[in-house]
Each structure stands twice: as structure tokens, then as C-alpha cells.
Amino acid sequence: MEDKVSETLSNTTRCQVLETLNDRNRPVQVAALTEPDNAEEQLRVQKIALVHNHLPKLHDLDFVEWDRKQGIIKKGSQFDEIQPYLDNVSWDDPGGHSGGCP
């Protein structure tokens, strides 16, 4: 499991998705996972990457449950396995976010 956790957390986008679920402790709209201050094209690219790459991987690992029709994600059955890693690491980025992601 540590290999899966390490691989998952090494990707900033997937890590930030998990941190969002960890911080909010409730289901999240997929649309809320993109940065609102990005240009329209960047938002489109981010959403494509989330829907076609990052969310399927997180879903396959059972870190998130993803309702594609409703566009909602929530903590999956294996979320507790990754949560300690999210709680014990910190980072800061120019957008003012802080948390455990690279």
C-alpha cells in the first residue's frame, strides 16, 4: 500500500484532490476542483486531466468514490490509508494554498 500512497501523493493534482476531501470532510463537486482564477483554456485542460486521468486513478485505488453522472466525489473506502500522509506534510504555493502536496 505504501507504493500506492507514495505514487498518488507524488502527483500534485491527485494529492490536492485528496486534501480537498480531507479538509472539507464532505462530498465535493468536480467543478470545484479547478482553480477559478485560471484562464478559460487552462480550466478546460485541468478539467480534462481530472476527469480522464486523476479521478479515475483515485477511484481505482478506492481513495475516492466518484459519481460521474452527478459530478461528485467523496472519500473512498481506502481514504483512511492515505489520510495520515495528508495530515503530516505541509506545503505552500503562490495561490495561497497550504497542505501536504508537493
Protein backbone atom coordinates (compact mmCIF):
# COMPACT_ATOMS: atom_id res chain seq x y z
CA MET A 1 0.00 0.00 0.00
CA GLU A 2 2.89 2.39 0.66
CA ASP A 3 3.86 2.30 -3.02
CA LYS A 4 0.32 3.32 -4.00
CA VAL A 5 0.29 6.10 -1.41
CA SER A 6 3.70 7.38 -2.46
CA GLU A 7 2.81 7.33 -6.16
CA THR A 8 -0.52 9.04 -5.52
CA LEU A 9 0.91 11.80 -3.34
CA SER A 10 3.79 12.47 -5.73
CA ASN A 11 1.28 13.89 -8.21
CA THR A 12 0.23 17.40 -7.17
CA THR A 13 -3.23 17.25 -8.74
CA ARG A 14 -4.21 13.93 -7.17
CA CYS A 15 -2.79 15.00 -3.84
CA GLN A 16 -4.76 18.25 -3.92
CA VAL A 17 -7.98 16.36 -4.73
CA LEU A 18 -7.43 14.16 -1.67
CA GLU A 19 -6.57 17.16 0.51
CA THR A 20 -9.75 18.92 -0.58
CA LEU A 21 -11.79 15.90 0.53
CA ASN A 22 -9.81 15.69 3.75
CA ASP A 23 -10.30 19.39 4.56
CA ARG A 24 -13.98 19.60 3.65
CA ASN A 25 -15.00 16.21 5.04
CA ARG A 26 -17.99 16.06 2.68
CA PRO A 27 -18.66 15.26 -1.00
CA VAL A 28 -17.20 17.77 -3.45
CA GLN A 29 -18.36 18.85 -6.92
CA VAL A 30 -15.71 18.03 -9.52
CA ALA A 31 -16.13 21.57 -10.92
CA ALA A 32 -14.92 22.93 -7.56
CA LEU A 33 -11.55 21.20 -8.03
CA THR A 34 -10.33 23.59 -10.73
CA GLU A 35 -8.75 26.91 -9.90
CA PRO A 36 -11.22 29.77 -10.52
CA ASP A 37 -8.51 32.30 -11.35
CA ASN A 38 -7.15 30.33 -14.32
CA ALA A 39 -7.84 31.38 -17.87
CA GLU A 40 -10.70 29.56 -19.59
CA GLU A 41 -8.40 27.31 -21.64
CA GLN A 42 -6.41 26.33 -18.55
CA LEU A 43 -9.65 25.44 -16.76
CA ARG A 44 -10.68 23.24 -19.68
CA VAL A 45 -7.32 21.46 -19.66
CA GLN A 46 -7.47 20.99 -15.87
CA LYS A 47 -10.96 19.51 -16.05
CA ILE A 48 -9.97 17.12 -18.85
CA ALA A 49 -6.97 15.94 -16.83
CA LEU A 50 -9.11 15.46 -13.73
CA VAL A 51 -11.88 13.55 -15.49
CA HIS A 52 -9.73 11.40 -17.77
CA ASN A 53 -6.61 10.83 -15.66
CA HIS A 54 -6.56 11.78 -11.98
CA LEU A 55 -10.08 10.94 -10.78
CA PRO A 56 -10.12 7.50 -12.47
CA LYS A 57 -6.79 6.64 -10.79
CA LEU A 58 -8.00 7.80 -7.38
CA HIS A 59 -11.26 5.92 -7.90
CA ASP A 60 -9.46 2.70 -8.96
CA LEU A 61 -7.35 2.86 -5.79
CA ASP A 62 -10.55 3.38 -3.73
CA PHE A 63 -9.21 6.64 -2.30
CA VAL A 64 -12.30 8.38 -3.71
CA GLU A 65 -15.79 7.40 -4.77
CA TRP A 66 -16.70 9.21 -7.96
CA ASP A 67 -20.25 9.66 -9.20
CA ARG A 68 -19.62 10.59 -12.82
CA LYS A 69 -23.28 11.41 -13.54
CA GLN A 70 -23.61 13.80 -10.61
CA GLY A 71 -20.04 15.10 -10.91
CA ILE A 72 -19.38 14.48 -7.21
CA ILE A 73 -16.51 12.82 -5.39
CA LYS A 74 -16.28 11.72 -1.78
CA LYS A 75 -13.89 9.76 0.40
CA GLY A 76 -13.47 6.18 -0.75
CA SER A 77 -13.10 3.00 1.27
CA GLN A 78 -9.27 3.31 1.32
CA PHE A 79 -9.15 7.05 2.14
CA ASP A 80 -8.16 6.30 5.74
CA GLU A 81 -4.98 4.67 4.40
CA ILE A 82 -3.79 7.93 2.83
CA GLN A 83 -5.20 10.44 5.32
CA PRO A 84 -2.25 10.31 7.77
CA TYR A 85 0.08 11.32 4.93
CA LEU A 86 -2.14 14.28 4.10
CA ASP A 87 -2.23 15.38 7.74
CA ASN A 88 1.53 15.17 8.37
CA VAL A 89 3.10 17.05 5.45
CA SER A 90 2.89 20.73 4.62
CA TRP A 91 3.46 22.93 1.58
CA ASP A 92 2.63 26.42 0.43
CA ASP A 93 2.11 27.67 -3.09
CA PRO A 94 1.79 31.11 -4.65
CA GLY A 95 -2.01 30.70 -4.84
CA GLY A 96 -2.20 30.76 -1.06
CA HIS A 97 -2.97 27.06 -0.64
CA SER A 98 -1.32 25.06 2.06
CA GLY A 99 -1.28 21.36 2.79
CA GLY A 100 0.62 18.15 2.24
CA CYS A 101 1.08 18.12 -1.53
CA PRO A 102 4.25 18.84 -3.50
